[in-house]
Amino acid sequence: MRNDSGIRPVEYKVLIEPEAVEAQTKGGIYIPETTQDKEKFARERGRVVAIGSIAFTDPTWLETPCVGDTVLYDRYAGSMVKGLDGKDYRLINDKEIGAIVEVPEDE
């Protein structure tokens, strides 16, 4: 997986691309941009884009996420940053990742 964000995390930081926020509900109601922005920051699931050099080096970690994995992380963790590619990313500490999500191969 390629990192087009222009952001390389350092030390124990992890760069996550949060899942997209829908602009319209299933019922067809459009969601205002201000609400979408709040929802984007409240997301708890995303894809690992890049990992800092000493992230996940704690010997107590039994399983560590890799670039491309879908993970669950703490709500409102880290900070939102805009990449050179125009996408929003979240820069968080490795300890704020709570789980690796098993995604079926057909998705």
N, C-alpha and C. Protein backbone atom coordinates (compact mmCIF):
# COMPACT_ATOMS: atom_id res chain seq x y z
N MET A 1 0.84 -1.18 0.00
CA MET A 1 0.00 0.00 0.00
C MET A 1 0.88 1.24 0.00
N ARG A 2 0.50 2.21 -0.79
CA ARG A 2 1.30 3.41 -0.97
C ARG A 2 0.78 4.55 -0.09
N ASN A 3 1.68 5.33 0.47
CA ASN A 3 1.33 6.48 1.30
C ASN A 3 1.46 7.75 0.46
N ASP A 4 0.34 8.25 -0.06
CA ASP A 4 0.34 9.47 -0.87
C ASP A 4 0.04 10.71 -0.05
N SER A 5 -0.06 10.57 1.26
CA SER A 5 -0.45 11.68 2.12
C SER A 5 0.64 12.73 2.26
N GLY A 6 1.90 12.34 2.09
CA GLY A 6 2.99 13.26 2.34
C GLY A 6 3.31 13.38 3.82
N ILE A 7 2.70 12.52 4.63
CA ILE A 7 2.90 12.54 6.08
C ILE A 7 3.57 11.24 6.50
N ARG A 8 4.72 11.34 7.15
CA ARG A 8 5.41 10.16 7.67
C ARG A 8 5.46 10.26 9.19
N PRO A 9 4.75 9.40 9.88
CA PRO A 9 4.75 9.46 11.34
C PRO A 9 6.13 9.11 11.91
N VAL A 10 6.45 9.70 13.05
CA VAL A 10 7.71 9.44 13.72
C VAL A 10 7.45 8.77 15.07
N GLU A 11 8.50 8.19 15.62
CA GLU A 11 8.47 7.52 16.92
C GLU A 11 7.32 6.51 17.00
N TYR A 12 6.41 6.68 17.95
CA TYR A 12 5.35 5.70 18.21
C TYR A 12 4.01 6.11 17.60
N LYS A 13 4.03 7.01 16.64
CA LYS A 13 2.79 7.49 16.01
C LYS A 13 2.38 6.59 14.84
N VAL A 14 1.05 6.58 14.58
CA VAL A 14 0.47 5.80 13.50
C VAL A 14 -0.46 6.72 12.71
N LEU A 15 -0.36 6.68 11.38
CA LEU A 15 -1.22 7.48 10.52
C LEU A 15 -2.36 6.62 10.03
N ILE A 16 -3.60 7.08 10.28
CA ILE A 16 -4.81 6.32 9.97
C ILE A 16 -5.66 7.14 8.99
N GLU A 17 -6.22 6.46 8.00
CA GLU A 17 -7.22 7.09 7.14
C GLU A 17 -8.59 6.63 7.64
N PRO A 18 -9.35 7.53 8.29
CA PRO A 18 -10.66 7.13 8.83
C PRO A 18 -11.62 6.73 7.70
N GLU A 19 -12.57 5.86 8.04
CA GLU A 19 -13.59 5.50 7.07
C GLU A 19 -14.38 6.74 6.68
N ALA A 20 -14.86 6.75 5.46
CA ALA A 20 -15.60 7.90 4.95
C ALA A 20 -16.92 8.08 5.69
N VAL A 21 -17.32 9.33 5.81
CA VAL A 21 -18.61 9.69 6.41
C VAL A 21 -19.60 9.89 5.27
N GLU A 22 -20.76 9.29 5.40
CA GLU A 22 -21.78 9.40 4.37
C GLU A 22 -22.35 10.81 4.32
N ALA A 23 -22.62 11.31 3.11
CA ALA A 23 -23.21 12.63 2.92
C ALA A 23 -24.73 12.57 2.93
N GLN A 24 -25.27 11.35 2.89
CA GLN A 24 -26.72 11.17 2.83
C GLN A 24 -27.09 9.93 3.65
N THR A 25 -28.20 9.99 4.36
CA THR A 25 -28.66 8.85 5.14
C THR A 25 -29.28 7.80 4.21
N LYS A 26 -29.51 6.62 4.74
CA LYS A 26 -30.15 5.57 3.95
C LYS A 26 -31.55 5.97 3.51
N GLY A 27 -32.18 6.84 4.28
CA GLY A 27 -33.52 7.32 3.95
C GLY A 27 -33.53 8.46 2.93
N GLY A 28 -32.35 8.93 2.52
CA GLY A 28 -32.26 9.97 1.50
C GLY A 28 -32.09 11.38 2.02
N ILE A 29 -31.91 11.54 3.33
CA ILE A 29 -31.74 12.87 3.90
C ILE A 29 -30.27 13.27 3.81
N TYR A 30 -30.02 14.48 3.28
CA TYR A 30 -28.65 14.97 3.18
C TYR A 30 -28.17 15.48 4.53
N ILE A 31 -26.95 15.13 4.87
CA ILE A 31 -26.36 15.52 6.15
C ILE A 31 -25.54 16.78 5.94
N PRO A 32 -25.75 17.84 6.75
CA PRO A 32 -24.99 19.09 6.58
C PRO A 32 -23.48 18.85 6.77
N GLU A 33 -22.66 19.67 6.10
CA GLU A 33 -21.21 19.50 6.17
C GLU A 33 -20.68 19.65 7.59
N THR A 34 -21.28 20.54 8.39
CA THR A 34 -20.80 20.70 9.77
C THR A 34 -20.99 19.42 10.57
N THR A 35 -22.10 18.75 10.35
CA THR A 35 -22.35 17.47 11.03
C THR A 35 -21.41 16.40 10.50
N GLN A 36 -21.14 16.40 9.20
CA GLN A 36 -20.21 15.44 8.62
C GLN A 36 -18.82 15.61 9.23
N ASP A 37 -18.39 16.87 9.43
CA ASP A 37 -17.08 17.13 10.02
C ASP A 37 -17.00 16.59 11.45
N LYS A 38 -18.06 16.78 12.23
CA LYS A 38 -18.09 16.26 13.60
C LYS A 38 -18.03 14.74 13.59
N GLU A 39 -18.79 14.12 12.68
CA GLU A 39 -18.81 12.67 12.57
C GLU A 39 -17.44 12.13 12.15
N LYS A 40 -16.77 12.85 11.27
CA LYS A 40 -15.46 12.42 10.78
C LYS A 40 -14.47 12.33 11.94
N PHE A 41 -14.51 13.32 12.83
CA PHE A 41 -13.59 13.31 13.98
C PHE A 41 -13.98 12.28 15.01
N ALA A 42 -15.26 11.89 15.06
CA ALA A 42 -15.73 10.91 16.04
C ALA A 42 -15.57 9.47 15.54
N ARG A 43 -15.13 9.28 14.32
CA ARG A 43 -14.95 7.92 13.77
C ARG A 43 -13.99 7.12 14.63
N GLU A 44 -14.24 5.83 14.71
CA GLU A 44 -13.41 4.94 15.53
C GLU A 44 -12.81 3.81 14.71
N ARG A 45 -12.94 3.88 13.39
CA ARG A 45 -12.46 2.80 12.54
C ARG A 45 -11.78 3.40 11.31
N GLY A 46 -10.64 2.82 10.93
CA GLY A 46 -9.93 3.32 9.76
C GLY A 46 -8.85 2.35 9.32
N ARG A 47 -8.12 2.75 8.29
CA ARG A 47 -7.09 1.92 7.69
C ARG A 47 -5.72 2.52 8.00
N VAL A 48 -4.79 1.66 8.41
CA VAL A 48 -3.43 2.10 8.71
C VAL A 48 -2.71 2.46 7.42
N VAL A 49 -2.18 3.68 7.36
CA VAL A 49 -1.49 4.17 6.17
C VAL A 49 0.02 4.13 6.35
N ALA A 50 0.49 4.50 7.55
CA ALA A 50 1.93 4.52 7.84
C ALA A 50 2.15 4.33 9.33
N ILE A 51 3.31 3.79 9.67
CA ILE A 51 3.64 3.49 11.07
C ILE A 51 5.02 4.08 11.38
N GLY A 52 5.13 4.76 12.54
CA GLY A 52 6.40 5.33 12.98
C GLY A 52 7.42 4.24 13.29
N SER A 53 8.68 4.64 13.35
CA SER A 53 9.79 3.69 13.47
C SER A 53 9.81 2.87 14.76
N ILE A 54 9.30 3.42 15.86
CA ILE A 54 9.32 2.65 17.11
C ILE A 54 7.91 2.28 17.60
N ALA A 55 6.91 2.46 16.74
CA ALA A 55 5.55 2.07 17.11
C ALA A 55 5.47 0.56 17.26
N PHE A 56 4.72 0.11 18.23
CA PHE A 56 4.48 -1.31 18.50
C PHE A 56 5.74 -2.09 18.88
N THR A 57 6.73 -1.41 19.45
CA THR A 57 7.95 -2.11 19.88
C THR A 57 7.88 -2.58 21.32
N ASP A 58 6.81 -2.24 22.02
CA ASP A 58 6.61 -2.71 23.39
C ASP A 58 6.51 -4.24 23.36
N PRO A 59 7.32 -4.94 24.14
CA PRO A 59 7.30 -6.42 24.09
C PRO A 59 6.00 -7.05 24.57
N THR A 60 5.12 -6.28 25.19
CA THR A 60 3.85 -6.85 25.64
C THR A 60 2.82 -6.97 24.52
N TRP A 61 3.08 -6.35 23.37
CA TRP A 61 2.18 -6.48 22.23
C TRP A 61 2.28 -7.89 21.69
N LEU A 62 1.16 -8.60 21.61
CA LEU A 62 1.16 -9.95 21.06
C LEU A 62 0.90 -9.94 19.56
N GLU A 63 0.09 -8.99 19.12
CA GLU A 63 -0.21 -8.87 17.69
C GLU A 63 -0.22 -7.39 17.35
N THR A 64 0.42 -7.04 16.26
CA THR A 64 0.50 -5.63 15.89
C THR A 64 -0.09 -5.41 14.50
N PRO A 65 -0.74 -4.27 14.30
CA PRO A 65 -1.29 -3.98 12.98
C PRO A 65 -0.19 -3.64 11.99
N CYS A 66 -0.48 -3.88 10.73
CA CYS A 66 0.43 -3.56 9.63
C CYS A 66 -0.22 -2.52 8.74
N VAL A 67 0.58 -1.91 7.89
CA VAL A 67 0.04 -0.96 6.91
C VAL A 67 -1.00 -1.69 6.07
N GLY A 68 -2.16 -1.06 5.91
CA GLY A 68 -3.25 -1.64 5.14
C GLY A 68 -4.32 -2.30 6.00
N ASP A 69 -4.00 -2.60 7.26
CA ASP A 69 -4.98 -3.22 8.16
C ASP A 69 -6.07 -2.22 8.54
N THR A 70 -7.28 -2.72 8.73
CA THR A 70 -8.38 -1.92 9.27
C THR A 70 -8.35 -2.10 10.78
N VAL A 71 -8.39 -0.98 11.51
CA VAL A 71 -8.26 -1.02 12.96
C VAL A 71 -9.37 -0.21 13.63
N LEU A 72 -9.59 -0.51 14.91
CA LEU A 72 -10.46 0.28 15.76
C LEU A 72 -9.57 1.06 16.71
N TYR A 73 -9.89 2.33 16.93
CA TYR A 73 -9.08 3.16 17.80
C TYR A 73 -9.99 4.00 18.69
N ASP A 74 -9.40 4.63 19.69
CA ASP A 74 -10.16 5.43 20.64
C ASP A 74 -10.86 6.60 19.95
N ARG A 75 -12.10 6.83 20.34
CA ARG A 75 -12.85 7.97 19.80
C ARG A 75 -12.13 9.26 20.16
N TYR A 76 -12.03 10.17 19.23
CA TYR A 76 -11.37 11.47 19.39
C TYR A 76 -9.88 11.36 19.67
N ALA A 77 -9.27 10.21 19.38
CA ALA A 77 -7.84 10.02 19.62
C ALA A 77 -7.01 10.86 18.64
N GLY A 78 -5.87 11.31 19.11
CA GLY A 78 -4.91 11.97 18.24
C GLY A 78 -5.41 13.27 17.65
N SER A 79 -4.87 13.60 16.49
CA SER A 79 -5.27 14.84 15.82
C SER A 79 -5.54 14.59 14.35
N MET A 80 -6.46 15.38 13.81
CA MET A 80 -6.78 15.29 12.39
C MET A 80 -5.78 16.15 11.62
N VAL A 81 -5.27 15.61 10.51
CA VAL A 81 -4.33 16.34 9.67
C VAL A 81 -4.75 16.16 8.22
N LYS A 82 -4.48 17.15 7.41
CA LYS A 82 -4.80 17.08 5.99
C LYS A 82 -3.53 16.71 5.24
N GLY A 83 -3.62 15.68 4.41
CA GLY A 83 -2.49 15.23 3.63
C GLY A 83 -2.31 16.05 2.36
N LEU A 84 -1.18 15.90 1.71
CA LEU A 84 -0.92 16.58 0.45
C LEU A 84 -1.89 16.14 -0.63
N ASP A 85 -2.49 14.96 -0.46
CA ASP A 85 -3.45 14.44 -1.42
C ASP A 85 -4.87 14.99 -1.19
N GLY A 86 -5.03 15.88 -0.19
CA GLY A 86 -6.33 16.49 0.09
C GLY A 86 -7.21 15.68 1.02
N LYS A 87 -6.80 14.48 1.42
CA LYS A 87 -7.60 13.64 2.32
C LYS A 87 -7.30 13.99 3.78
N ASP A 88 -8.28 13.70 4.63
CA ASP A 88 -8.10 13.88 6.07
C ASP A 88 -7.57 12.58 6.68
N TYR A 89 -6.60 12.72 7.57
CA TYR A 89 -6.01 11.58 8.26
C TYR A 89 -6.02 11.85 9.75
N ARG A 90 -5.83 10.79 10.51
CA ARG A 90 -5.71 10.93 11.95
C ARG A 90 -4.34 10.40 12.36
N LEU A 91 -3.61 11.20 13.12
CA LEU A 91 -2.29 10.83 13.64
C LEU A 91 -2.45 10.49 15.11
N ILE A 92 -2.25 9.21 15.46
CA ILE A 92 -2.52 8.76 16.83
C ILE A 92 -1.32 7.99 17.40
N ASN A 93 -1.34 7.79 18.71
CA ASN A 93 -0.33 6.96 19.37
C ASN A 93 -0.65 5.48 19.13
N ASP A 94 0.36 4.65 19.10
CA ASP A 94 0.14 3.21 18.88
C ASP A 94 -0.76 2.59 19.95
N LYS A 95 -0.68 3.06 21.17
CA LYS A 95 -1.47 2.51 22.28
C LYS A 95 -2.96 2.82 22.16
N GLU A 96 -3.33 3.76 21.29
CA GLU A 96 -4.74 4.12 21.12
C GLU A 96 -5.47 3.19 20.16
N ILE A 97 -4.75 2.26 19.56
CA ILE A 97 -5.39 1.27 18.70
C ILE A 97 -5.82 0.12 19.59
N GLY A 98 -7.11 -0.22 19.52
CA GLY A 98 -7.66 -1.24 20.40
C GLY A 98 -7.83 -2.60 19.77
N ALA A 99 -7.97 -2.65 18.43
CA ALA A 99 -8.21 -3.95 17.78
C ALA A 99 -7.91 -3.87 16.29
N ILE A 100 -7.61 -5.02 15.74
CA ILE A 100 -7.46 -5.18 14.30
C ILE A 100 -8.75 -5.83 13.82
N VAL A 101 -9.38 -5.26 12.80
CA VAL A 101 -10.64 -5.77 12.29
C VAL A 101 -10.37 -6.79 11.18
N GLU A 102 -10.94 -7.97 11.35
CA GLU A 102 -10.82 -9.00 10.31
C GLU A 102 -11.82 -8.67 9.22
N VAL A 103 -11.33 -8.36 8.03
CA VAL A 103 -12.19 -8.01 6.90
C VAL A 103 -12.25 -9.20 5.95
N PRO A 104 -13.45 -9.66 5.60
CA PRO A 104 -13.55 -10.78 4.65
C PRO A 104 -12.89 -10.43 3.32
N GLU A 105 -12.30 -11.42 2.67
CA GLU A 105 -11.56 -11.18 1.43
C GLU A 105 -12.43 -10.70 0.29
N ASP A 106 -13.74 -10.97 0.33
CA ASP A 106 -14.61 -10.56 -0.77
C ASP A 106 -15.02 -9.10 -0.70
N GLU A 107 -14.58 -8.35 0.31
CA GLU A 107 -14.93 -6.92 0.41
C GLU A 107 -13.91 -6.10 -0.32
